[in-house]
Structures are given as C-alpha cells and as structure tokens.
Amino acid sequence: MIELYTDRLVIRSMQKKDWPNVLALNSNPSVLKHIREVTSEAEIKQTFNQRLEPWKYDSDSWLTLVIETVSSHEFVGLTGFYRESEVMNRAEIGYLISPNQQGLGYGTESLKAVIDWGVFQFNIKKFIGYCAVENVASAKVMIKSGFTQEGLLRANHMIGDQLIDEYIFGLLQSDIRE
C-alpha cells in the first residue's frame, strides 16, 4: 500500500471503494477532452481492476494513485506514472483532476509528491509528460512542477479521428530542488 502525504493531500493506492469516483472521472468528457475519448463503463472497469493489482515499477503498467484531501478525504483525482524506458530509467507522468477540484493547485502538489517518491524509491532519472497544445492548464501544472517544455510533437496523438499536436515536457532528476 502506497501512501504519500503533503500539507493538503493524501496520495494513496487505489482501492475497490474508489470505483464510483474513478468511473465519474473517466466518464467525464470535459476532463478527457484533451486526453482521449470516453470509453465504455466495461472498459473503464477493466482498467480499474487491472490497476487494483499489486504494482511493480518494472511491470510496464501505470501506477495509478488516488488523490484526496487530508482534511475531509474528498476525492480530488488520480495521478501516477509508468516506466517508459528501462535503459534510461525514464517515467511518464499522468494525472486527472476532478472538475470541482481544478485550479486549486492539487495537480501540482500531488505531482511533486509523486515525483519525489519516484526518485527516492526507484532513482528515476527523468520524468516526461505530454499534453495537447490546447491543454493550457495541464502545461501550467507541469511547468509549476519544475518541468521544461522540450518540444512540440506535431500530429502526435489521436483523439477519435482528430490528430492533435502535443507538447513534450521533461524533468531531470538533477533539476529537482531539495
């Protein structure tokens, strides 16, 4: 069981009780607008069940952690990473924040905690993140978390039948301030 704490948040392993919140988040077109199409409840449930399984850094699967407030244990969203390259010890980060929790700094706060933990636990050398050019809020989260925009990837991702441009962001372990 993973549990990380910040001043305002608990970031923990997903549990069966999280299903209603995970379903609501992953069924919300406004949350997924710049990420992917909404999939069926059955597909969301299948992914949810996979992410309940014990996670290992070398498993080539996403670590998905629940973000909730310390004070009231209110669901904020999801965050995590997966090892994108074994040779480079590089991990891709990701996060989804509930609409009623956006703009409060929770994405940045939780991302910093997950990155610190990833460096401490797995000596991750570099974190990368992608976001659609139109996803200004996500770009701000990465920049506030210390990432540098490293490039523009044209027609890099597909949402439905729409090709979208993405920015790629990077954060080296050496960039992280103690």
N, C-alpha and C. Protein backbone atom coordinates (compact mmCIF):
# COMPACT_ATOMS: atom_id res chain seq x y z
N MET A 1 0.86 -1.19 0.00
CA MET A 1 0.00 0.00 0.00
C MET A 1 0.89 1.24 0.00
N ILE A 2 0.66 2.10 -0.94
CA ILE A 2 1.41 3.35 -1.05
C ILE A 2 0.57 4.46 -0.44
N GLU A 3 1.20 5.26 0.41
CA GLU A 3 0.57 6.46 0.98
C GLU A 3 1.60 7.57 1.04
N LEU A 4 1.31 8.65 0.34
CA LEU A 4 2.16 9.83 0.34
C LEU A 4 1.34 10.97 0.92
N TYR A 5 2.00 11.88 1.61
CA TYR A 5 1.29 12.99 2.24
C TYR A 5 1.94 14.31 1.87
N THR A 6 1.09 15.30 1.66
CA THR A 6 1.53 16.69 1.54
C THR A 6 0.75 17.46 2.60
N ASP A 7 0.92 18.75 2.64
CA ASP A 7 0.18 19.54 3.63
C ASP A 7 -1.33 19.38 3.47
N ARG A 8 -1.79 19.28 2.22
CA ARG A 8 -3.24 19.25 1.98
C ARG A 8 -3.78 17.94 1.44
N LEU A 9 -2.89 17.03 1.04
CA LEU A 9 -3.34 15.85 0.30
C LEU A 9 -2.81 14.54 0.85
N VAL A 10 -3.59 13.49 0.62
CA VAL A 10 -3.15 12.11 0.76
C VAL A 10 -3.16 11.54 -0.65
N ILE A 11 -2.07 10.91 -1.04
CA ILE A 11 -1.96 10.28 -2.35
C ILE A 11 -1.70 8.81 -2.05
N ARG A 12 -2.66 7.96 -2.42
CA ARG A 12 -2.62 6.57 -1.95
C ARG A 12 -2.99 5.59 -3.05
N SER A 13 -2.69 4.33 -2.77
CA SER A 13 -3.07 3.25 -3.68
C SER A 13 -4.58 3.23 -3.87
N MET A 14 -4.99 2.86 -5.07
CA MET A 14 -6.40 2.76 -5.38
C MET A 14 -6.99 1.54 -4.66
N GLN A 15 -8.25 1.69 -4.24
CA GLN A 15 -8.97 0.62 -3.56
C GLN A 15 -10.33 0.43 -4.24
N LYS A 16 -10.97 -0.71 -3.98
CA LYS A 16 -12.27 -1.00 -4.59
C LYS A 16 -13.29 0.10 -4.31
N LYS A 17 -13.23 0.70 -3.14
CA LYS A 17 -14.19 1.74 -2.77
C LYS A 17 -14.09 2.99 -3.66
N ASP A 18 -13.01 3.11 -4.41
CA ASP A 18 -12.79 4.27 -5.27
C ASP A 18 -13.53 4.18 -6.61
N TRP A 19 -14.15 3.04 -6.89
CA TRP A 19 -14.78 2.82 -8.18
C TRP A 19 -15.75 3.94 -8.60
N PRO A 20 -16.69 4.37 -7.77
CA PRO A 20 -17.62 5.41 -8.23
C PRO A 20 -16.90 6.70 -8.67
N ASN A 21 -15.89 7.10 -7.94
CA ASN A 21 -15.14 8.32 -8.30
C ASN A 21 -14.32 8.13 -9.56
N VAL A 22 -13.69 6.96 -9.69
CA VAL A 22 -12.89 6.68 -10.88
C VAL A 22 -13.79 6.63 -12.11
N LEU A 23 -14.95 6.00 -11.98
CA LEU A 23 -15.89 5.94 -13.09
C LEU A 23 -16.35 7.34 -13.49
N ALA A 24 -16.73 8.15 -12.51
CA ALA A 24 -17.20 9.51 -12.80
C ALA A 24 -16.11 10.33 -13.51
N LEU A 25 -14.89 10.23 -13.03
CA LEU A 25 -13.78 10.99 -13.61
C LEU A 25 -13.50 10.54 -15.05
N ASN A 26 -13.47 9.23 -15.26
CA ASN A 26 -13.14 8.68 -16.57
C ASN A 26 -14.32 8.67 -17.54
N SER A 27 -15.49 9.10 -17.07
CA SER A 27 -16.68 9.21 -17.93
C SER A 27 -16.99 10.67 -18.27
N ASN A 28 -16.18 11.58 -17.78
CA ASN A 28 -16.46 13.00 -17.92
C ASN A 28 -15.78 13.56 -19.17
N PRO A 29 -16.55 13.89 -20.20
CA PRO A 29 -15.95 14.40 -21.44
C PRO A 29 -15.12 15.66 -21.25
N SER A 30 -15.48 16.52 -20.31
CA SER A 30 -14.70 17.75 -20.13
C SER A 30 -13.32 17.45 -19.52
N VAL A 31 -13.23 16.43 -18.68
CA VAL A 31 -11.95 16.04 -18.09
C VAL A 31 -11.05 15.41 -19.16
N LEU A 32 -11.65 14.62 -20.03
CA LEU A 32 -10.89 13.86 -21.02
C LEU A 32 -10.71 14.57 -22.36
N LYS A 33 -11.27 15.76 -22.48
CA LYS A 33 -11.32 16.49 -23.75
C LYS A 33 -9.99 16.49 -24.51
N HIS A 34 -8.89 16.71 -23.82
CA HIS A 34 -7.58 16.81 -24.46
C HIS A 34 -6.74 15.55 -24.30
N ILE A 35 -7.35 14.46 -23.79
CA ILE A 35 -6.58 13.26 -23.47
C ILE A 35 -6.99 12.08 -24.33
N ARG A 36 -8.28 11.76 -24.31
CA ARG A 36 -8.79 10.61 -25.05
C ARG A 36 -10.30 10.67 -25.09
N GLU A 37 -10.89 9.81 -25.89
CA GLU A 37 -12.34 9.70 -25.90
C GLU A 37 -12.81 8.97 -24.65
N VAL A 38 -14.04 9.22 -24.26
CA VAL A 38 -14.65 8.47 -23.17
C VAL A 38 -14.90 7.06 -23.68
N THR A 39 -14.52 6.08 -22.88
CA THR A 39 -14.74 4.68 -23.24
C THR A 39 -15.94 4.14 -22.47
N SER A 40 -16.30 2.91 -22.74
CA SER A 40 -17.46 2.30 -22.09
C SER A 40 -17.18 2.03 -20.61
N GLU A 41 -18.25 1.91 -19.85
CA GLU A 41 -18.10 1.59 -18.43
C GLU A 41 -17.37 0.26 -18.26
N ALA A 42 -17.62 -0.71 -19.14
CA ALA A 42 -16.95 -2.01 -19.05
C ALA A 42 -15.43 -1.85 -19.23
N GLU A 43 -15.02 -1.00 -20.18
CA GLU A 43 -13.59 -0.77 -20.40
C GLU A 43 -12.96 -0.04 -19.22
N ILE A 44 -13.68 0.93 -18.68
CA ILE A 44 -13.17 1.66 -17.51
C ILE A 44 -13.03 0.70 -16.34
N LYS A 45 -14.00 -0.18 -16.15
CA LYS A 45 -13.97 -1.16 -15.06
C LYS A 45 -12.80 -2.12 -15.23
N GLN A 46 -12.54 -2.56 -16.46
CA GLN A 46 -11.43 -3.47 -16.72
C GLN A 46 -10.10 -2.81 -16.35
N THR A 47 -9.91 -1.57 -16.77
CA THR A 47 -8.69 -0.84 -16.42
C THR A 47 -8.60 -0.64 -14.91
N PHE A 48 -9.71 -0.27 -14.29
CA PHE A 48 -9.75 -0.09 -12.85
C PHE A 48 -9.30 -1.37 -12.13
N ASN A 49 -9.85 -2.50 -12.54
CA ASN A 49 -9.50 -3.78 -11.90
C ASN A 49 -8.02 -4.12 -12.09
N GLN A 50 -7.48 -3.81 -13.27
CA GLN A 50 -6.05 -4.03 -13.52
C GLN A 50 -5.20 -3.17 -12.58
N ARG A 51 -5.65 -1.96 -12.36
CA ARG A 51 -4.87 -1.03 -11.53
C ARG A 51 -5.01 -1.31 -10.04
N LEU A 52 -5.95 -2.16 -9.67
CA LEU A 52 -6.07 -2.60 -8.27
C LEU A 52 -5.01 -3.66 -7.94
N GLU A 53 -4.50 -4.32 -8.95
CA GLU A 53 -3.49 -5.37 -8.75
C GLU A 53 -2.21 -4.76 -8.19
N PRO A 54 -1.44 -5.54 -7.44
CA PRO A 54 -0.16 -5.03 -6.94
C PRO A 54 0.70 -4.53 -8.09
N TRP A 55 1.32 -3.37 -7.89
CA TRP A 55 2.09 -2.72 -8.95
C TRP A 55 3.58 -2.87 -8.67
N LYS A 56 4.33 -3.05 -9.76
CA LYS A 56 5.80 -3.07 -9.68
C LYS A 56 6.32 -2.11 -10.74
N TYR A 57 7.39 -1.43 -10.42
CA TYR A 57 7.96 -0.44 -11.32
C TYR A 57 8.32 -1.04 -12.68
N ASP A 58 8.78 -2.28 -12.70
CA ASP A 58 9.20 -2.91 -13.95
C ASP A 58 8.08 -3.67 -14.66
N SER A 59 6.84 -3.42 -14.26
CA SER A 59 5.72 -4.17 -14.83
C SER A 59 5.19 -3.61 -16.15
N ASP A 60 5.70 -2.48 -16.60
CA ASP A 60 5.20 -1.84 -17.83
C ASP A 60 3.73 -1.48 -17.74
N SER A 61 3.26 -1.21 -16.54
CA SER A 61 1.88 -0.76 -16.35
C SER A 61 1.90 0.52 -15.52
N TRP A 62 0.80 1.24 -15.60
CA TRP A 62 0.70 2.51 -14.87
C TRP A 62 0.50 2.27 -13.38
N LEU A 63 1.22 3.03 -12.59
CA LEU A 63 0.91 3.17 -11.17
C LEU A 63 -0.15 4.26 -11.11
N THR A 64 -1.32 3.92 -10.62
CA THR A 64 -2.41 4.90 -10.51
C THR A 64 -2.74 5.08 -9.05
N LEU A 65 -2.58 6.30 -8.59
CA LEU A 65 -2.82 6.64 -7.19
C LEU A 65 -3.99 7.60 -7.08
N VAL A 66 -4.76 7.45 -6.01
CA VAL A 66 -5.89 8.33 -5.73
C VAL A 66 -5.38 9.54 -4.96
N ILE A 67 -5.87 10.70 -5.34
CA ILE A 67 -5.57 11.95 -4.62
C ILE A 67 -6.83 12.33 -3.85
N GLU A 68 -6.68 12.58 -2.56
CA GLU A 68 -7.80 13.07 -1.77
C GLU A 68 -7.30 14.09 -0.75
N THR A 69 -8.22 14.91 -0.25
CA THR A 69 -7.84 15.93 0.71
C THR A 69 -7.55 15.28 2.07
N VAL A 70 -6.58 15.83 2.79
CA VAL A 70 -6.25 15.35 4.13
C VAL A 70 -7.41 15.60 5.08
N SER A 71 -7.98 16.79 5.00
CA SER A 71 -8.98 17.21 5.99
C SER A 71 -10.28 16.42 5.92
N SER A 72 -10.81 16.21 4.71
CA SER A 72 -12.13 15.57 4.60
C SER A 72 -12.11 14.30 3.77
N HIS A 73 -10.96 13.89 3.28
CA HIS A 73 -10.82 12.72 2.41
C HIS A 73 -11.71 12.81 1.18
N GLU A 74 -11.90 14.04 0.70
CA GLU A 74 -12.67 14.27 -0.52
C GLU A 74 -11.83 13.89 -1.73
N PHE A 75 -12.44 13.19 -2.67
CA PHE A 75 -11.76 12.74 -3.88
C PHE A 75 -11.36 13.96 -4.72
N VAL A 76 -10.09 14.02 -5.10
CA VAL A 76 -9.56 15.10 -5.92
C VAL A 76 -9.28 14.61 -7.34
N GLY A 77 -8.72 13.41 -7.47
CA GLY A 77 -8.39 12.90 -8.79
C GLY A 77 -7.44 11.73 -8.72
N LEU A 78 -6.71 11.53 -9.81
CA LEU A 78 -5.77 10.42 -9.95
C LEU A 78 -4.44 10.96 -10.45
N THR A 79 -3.37 10.29 -10.06
CA THR A 79 -2.04 10.64 -10.54
C THR A 79 -1.20 9.39 -10.59
N GLY A 80 -0.07 9.46 -11.25
CA GLY A 80 0.83 8.31 -11.28
C GLY A 80 1.84 8.41 -12.40
N PHE A 81 2.50 7.28 -12.63
CA PHE A 81 3.50 7.20 -13.68
C PHE A 81 3.71 5.75 -14.09
N TYR A 82 4.42 5.58 -15.18
CA TYR A 82 4.90 4.24 -15.55
C TYR A 82 6.29 4.37 -16.16
N ARG A 83 7.06 3.29 -16.02
CA ARG A 83 8.42 3.29 -16.56
C ARG A 83 8.35 3.20 -18.07
N GLU A 84 8.69 4.28 -18.69
CA GLU A 84 8.61 4.41 -20.15
C GLU A 84 9.86 3.82 -20.81
N SER A 85 11.01 3.89 -20.14
CA SER A 85 12.25 3.34 -20.67
C SER A 85 13.07 2.73 -19.55
N GLU A 86 13.34 1.43 -19.68
CA GLU A 86 14.17 0.75 -18.68
C GLU A 86 15.62 1.23 -18.76
N VAL A 87 16.15 1.30 -19.97
CA VAL A 87 17.56 1.66 -20.17
C VAL A 87 17.84 3.06 -19.63
N MET A 88 16.94 4.00 -19.90
CA MET A 88 17.14 5.39 -19.48
C MET A 88 16.58 5.67 -18.09
N ASN A 89 15.89 4.71 -17.51
CA ASN A 89 15.18 4.88 -16.23
C ASN A 89 14.35 6.17 -16.26
N ARG A 90 13.47 6.20 -17.27
CA ARG A 90 12.62 7.35 -17.54
C ARG A 90 11.17 6.93 -17.32
N ALA A 91 10.40 7.82 -16.70
CA ALA A 91 8.99 7.54 -16.42
C ALA A 91 8.10 8.63 -16.99
N GLU A 92 6.96 8.21 -17.52
CA GLU A 92 5.95 9.15 -17.99
C GLU A 92 4.95 9.39 -16.87
N ILE A 93 4.63 10.65 -16.63
CA ILE A 93 3.68 11.02 -15.58
C ILE A 93 2.30 11.26 -16.19
N GLY A 94 1.30 11.18 -15.32
CA GLY A 94 -0.06 11.47 -15.75
C GLY A 94 -0.92 11.86 -14.56
N TYR A 95 -2.00 12.55 -14.82
CA TYR A 95 -2.92 12.97 -13.77
C TYR A 95 -4.25 13.36 -14.37
N LEU A 96 -5.30 13.16 -13.60
CA LEU A 96 -6.65 13.61 -13.93
C LEU A 96 -7.22 14.25 -12.66
N ILE A 97 -7.70 15.45 -12.77
CA ILE A 97 -8.25 16.16 -11.62
C ILE A 97 -9.74 16.40 -11.85
N SER A 98 -10.54 16.12 -10.84
CA SER A 98 -11.99 16.34 -10.92
C SER A 98 -12.29 17.80 -11.21
N PRO A 99 -13.31 18.07 -12.01
CA PRO A 99 -13.62 19.46 -12.38
C PRO A 99 -13.80 20.39 -11.18
N ASN A 100 -14.43 19.92 -10.11
CA ASN A 100 -14.66 20.78 -8.94
C ASN A 100 -13.40 20.98 -8.10
N GLN A 101 -12.30 20.31 -8.46
CA GLN A 101 -11.04 20.45 -7.72
C GLN A 101 -9.95 21.12 -8.57
N GLN A 102 -10.27 21.44 -9.80
CA GLN A 102 -9.29 22.06 -10.68
C GLN A 102 -9.05 23.51 -10.29
N GLY A 103 -7.84 23.97 -10.53
CA GLY A 103 -7.49 25.36 -10.26
C GLY A 103 -7.13 25.64 -8.82
N LEU A 104 -7.01 24.60 -7.99
CA LEU A 104 -6.70 24.77 -6.57
C LEU A 104 -5.26 24.39 -6.23
N GLY A 105 -4.48 24.02 -7.25
CA GLY A 105 -3.08 23.65 -7.03
C GLY A 105 -2.87 22.19 -6.65
N TYR A 106 -3.94 21.39 -6.65
CA TYR A 106 -3.81 20.00 -6.25
C TYR A 106 -3.03 19.16 -7.26
N GLY A 107 -3.18 19.47 -8.54
CA GLY A 107 -2.43 18.74 -9.56
C GLY A 107 -0.94 18.90 -9.38
N THR A 108 -0.50 20.13 -9.19
CA THR A 108 0.92 20.42 -8.98
C THR A 108 1.42 19.80 -7.68
N GLU A 109 0.67 19.98 -6.62
CA GLU A 109 1.08 19.46 -5.31
C GLU A 109 1.22 17.94 -5.33
N SER A 110 0.25 17.26 -5.93
CA SER A 110 0.31 15.79 -5.96
C SER A 110 1.41 15.31 -6.91
N LEU A 111 1.59 15.99 -8.03
CA LEU A 111 2.62 15.60 -8.98
C LEU A 111 4.02 15.72 -8.36
N LYS A 112 4.27 16.80 -7.65
CA LYS A 112 5.57 16.96 -6.98
C LYS A 112 5.81 15.84 -5.98
N ALA A 113 4.79 15.46 -5.23
CA ALA A 113 4.94 14.38 -4.24
C ALA A 113 5.24 13.05 -4.93
N VAL A 114 4.55 12.76 -6.01
CA VAL A 114 4.76 11.50 -6.74
C VAL A 114 6.16 11.47 -7.36
N ILE A 115 6.60 12.60 -7.89
CA ILE A 115 7.94 12.68 -8.47
C ILE A 115 9.00 12.46 -7.39
N ASP A 116 8.88 13.14 -6.27
CA ASP A 116 9.84 12.96 -5.17
C ASP A 116 9.91 11.50 -4.75
N TRP A 117 8.74 10.87 -4.62
CA TRP A 117 8.68 9.47 -4.22
C TRP A 117 9.33 8.58 -5.28
N GLY A 118 9.07 8.86 -6.57
CA GLY A 118 9.65 8.07 -7.65
C GLY A 118 11.17 8.15 -7.69
N VAL A 119 11.70 9.34 -7.42
CA VAL A 119 13.16 9.50 -7.37
C VAL A 119 13.72 8.73 -6.18
N PHE A 120 13.08 8.86 -5.02
CA PHE A 120 13.55 8.19 -3.81
C PHE A 120 13.46 6.67 -3.93
N GLN A 121 12.32 6.17 -4.40
CA GLN A 121 12.09 4.72 -4.45
C GLN A 121 12.81 4.02 -5.61
N PHE A 122 12.87 4.67 -6.78
CA PHE A 122 13.33 3.99 -7.99
C PHE A 122 14.48 4.70 -8.69
N ASN A 123 14.95 5.79 -8.10
CA ASN A 123 16.05 6.55 -8.68
C ASN A 123 15.76 6.95 -10.13
N ILE A 124 14.52 7.34 -10.39
CA ILE A 124 14.13 7.74 -11.75
C ILE A 124 14.97 8.94 -12.17
N LYS A 125 15.56 8.83 -13.34
CA LYS A 125 16.48 9.86 -13.83
C LYS A 125 15.77 10.98 -14.57
N LYS A 126 14.64 10.65 -15.20
CA LYS A 126 13.91 11.67 -15.95
C LYS A 126 12.43 11.32 -15.96
N PHE A 127 11.62 12.36 -15.80
CA PHE A 127 10.17 12.25 -15.94
C PHE A 127 9.78 13.00 -17.20
N ILE A 128 8.83 12.44 -17.95
CA ILE A 128 8.32 13.13 -19.12
C ILE A 128 6.80 13.22 -19.00
N GLY A 129 6.26 14.21 -19.66
CA GLY A 129 4.81 14.38 -19.71
C GLY A 129 4.42 14.96 -21.05
N TYR A 130 3.28 14.51 -21.53
CA TYR A 130 2.73 15.01 -22.79
C TYR A 130 1.44 15.74 -22.49
N CYS A 131 1.17 16.78 -23.25
CA CYS A 131 -0.16 17.39 -23.17
C CYS A 131 -0.49 18.05 -24.50
N ALA A 132 -1.77 18.00 -24.82
CA ALA A 132 -2.25 18.65 -26.04
C ALA A 132 -1.91 20.13 -25.98
N VAL A 133 -1.57 20.70 -27.11
CA VAL A 133 -1.23 22.12 -27.18
C VAL A 133 -2.36 22.96 -26.58
N GLU A 134 -3.61 22.54 -26.79
CA GLU A 134 -4.76 23.29 -26.28
C GLU A 134 -4.96 23.13 -24.78
N ASN A 135 -4.29 22.18 -24.17
CA ASN A 135 -4.49 21.91 -22.74
C ASN A 135 -3.56 22.80 -21.90
N VAL A 136 -3.90 24.06 -21.86
CA VAL A 136 -3.08 25.07 -21.18
C VAL A 136 -2.95 24.77 -19.69
N ALA A 137 -4.02 24.31 -19.05
CA ALA A 137 -3.98 24.02 -17.61
C ALA A 137 -2.98 22.92 -17.30
N SER A 138 -2.94 21.88 -18.11
CA SER A 138 -2.01 20.78 -17.87
C SER A 138 -0.56 21.24 -18.07
N ALA A 139 -0.34 22.06 -19.08
CA ALA A 139 1.01 22.60 -19.30
C ALA A 139 1.45 23.42 -18.08
N LYS A 140 0.54 24.20 -17.51
CA LYS A 140 0.86 25.00 -16.32
C LYS A 140 1.22 24.11 -15.15
N VAL A 141 0.51 23.00 -14.97
CA VAL A 141 0.82 22.07 -13.88
C VAL A 141 2.26 21.56 -14.02
N MET A 142 2.62 21.16 -15.22
CA MET A 142 3.98 20.63 -15.41
C MET A 142 5.04 21.71 -15.19
N ILE A 143 4.80 22.89 -15.71
CA ILE A 143 5.77 23.98 -15.53
C ILE A 143 5.92 24.32 -14.05
N LYS A 144 4.81 24.43 -13.33
CA LYS A 144 4.86 24.71 -11.88
C LYS A 144 5.55 23.59 -11.11
N SER A 145 5.54 22.38 -11.67
CA SER A 145 6.17 21.23 -11.02
C SER A 145 7.65 21.12 -11.39
N GLY A 146 8.16 22.06 -12.18
CA GLY A 146 9.59 22.08 -12.50
C GLY A 146 9.94 21.56 -13.88
N PHE A 147 8.96 21.12 -14.65
CA PHE A 147 9.23 20.59 -15.98
C PHE A 147 9.61 21.71 -16.95
N THR A 148 10.35 21.34 -17.98
CA THR A 148 10.71 22.23 -19.06
C THR A 148 10.05 21.72 -20.34
N GLN A 149 9.46 22.62 -21.10
CA GLN A 149 8.91 22.22 -22.39
C GLN A 149 10.09 21.92 -23.31
N GLU A 150 10.15 20.68 -23.78
CA GLU A 150 11.28 20.25 -24.59
C GLU A 150 10.99 20.22 -26.08
N GLY A 151 9.71 20.30 -26.43
CA GLY A 151 9.42 20.29 -27.85
C GLY A 151 7.94 20.25 -28.15
N LEU A 152 7.67 20.35 -29.43
CA LEU A 152 6.32 20.24 -29.97
C LEU A 152 6.30 19.02 -30.88
N LEU A 153 5.38 18.12 -30.63
CA LEU A 153 5.23 16.92 -31.44
C LEU A 153 3.97 17.10 -32.29
N ARG A 154 4.17 17.33 -33.57
CA ARG A 154 3.05 17.61 -34.46
C ARG A 154 2.30 16.33 -34.81
N ALA A 155 0.96 16.44 -34.81
CA ALA A 155 0.09 15.29 -35.15
C ALA A 155 0.56 14.04 -34.41
N ASN A 156 0.78 14.15 -33.12
CA ASN A 156 1.39 13.09 -32.32
C ASN A 156 0.40 12.16 -31.64
N HIS A 157 -0.83 12.59 -31.48
CA HIS A 157 -1.81 11.82 -30.71
C HIS A 157 -3.15 11.90 -31.42
N MET A 158 -3.94 10.87 -31.24
CA MET A 158 -5.23 10.85 -31.89
C MET A 158 -6.33 10.73 -30.84
N ILE A 159 -7.31 11.61 -30.91
CA ILE A 159 -8.50 11.53 -30.08
C ILE A 159 -9.66 11.39 -31.05
N GLY A 160 -10.27 10.21 -31.04
CA GLY A 160 -11.28 9.92 -32.06
C GLY A 160 -10.60 9.89 -33.40
N ASP A 161 -11.10 10.68 -34.33
CA ASP A 161 -10.47 10.76 -35.65
C ASP A 161 -9.66 12.04 -35.84
N GLN A 162 -9.42 12.73 -34.73
CA GLN A 162 -8.72 14.02 -34.75
C GLN A 162 -7.25 13.85 -34.34
N LEU A 163 -6.34 14.23 -35.22
CA LEU A 163 -4.91 14.27 -34.88
C LEU A 163 -4.64 15.56 -34.12
N ILE A 164 -3.90 15.45 -33.03
CA ILE A 164 -3.59 16.64 -32.24
C ILE A 164 -2.09 16.78 -32.05
N ASP A 165 -1.68 18.03 -31.92
CA ASP A 165 -0.30 18.35 -31.59
C ASP A 165 -0.14 18.29 -30.08
N GLU A 166 1.03 17.83 -29.65
CA GLU A 166 1.30 17.76 -28.22
C GLU A 166 2.64 18.41 -27.90
N TYR A 167 2.70 18.99 -26.72
CA TYR A 167 3.98 19.40 -26.17
C TYR A 167 4.54 18.23 -25.38
N ILE A 168 5.85 18.12 -25.39
CA ILE A 168 6.51 17.16 -24.51
C ILE A 168 7.30 17.97 -23.49
N PHE A 169 7.15 17.59 -22.25
CA PHE A 169 7.83 18.23 -21.13
C PHE A 169 8.77 17.22 -20.49
N GLY A 170 9.87 17.71 -19.93
CA GLY A 170 10.82 16.85 -19.25
C GLY A 170 11.29 17.45 -17.94
N LEU A 171 11.57 16.57 -17.00
CA LEU A 171 12.13 16.96 -15.71
C LEU A 171 13.23 15.97 -15.36
N LEU A 172 14.46 16.45 -15.33
CA LEU A 172 15.59 15.61 -14.95
C LEU A 172 15.68 15.53 -13.43
N GLN A 173 16.17 14.40 -12.95
CA GLN A 173 16.37 14.25 -11.52
C GLN A 173 17.24 15.39 -10.98
N SER A 174 18.23 15.78 -11.76
CA SER A 174 19.14 16.86 -11.33
C SER A 174 18.45 18.22 -11.28
N ASP A 175 17.28 18.36 -11.89
CA ASP A 175 16.53 19.63 -11.87
C ASP A 175 15.71 19.79 -10.58
N ILE A 176 15.51 18.72 -9.87
CA ILE A 176 14.65 18.75 -8.69
C ILE A 176 15.41 19.37 -7.53
N ARG A 177 14.81 20.42 -6.99
CA ARG A 177 15.44 21.12 -5.85
C ARG A 177 15.08 20.40 -4.56
N GLU A 178 16.06 20.24 -3.73
CA GLU A 178 15.84 19.62 -2.42
C GLU A 178 15.13 20.56 -1.49
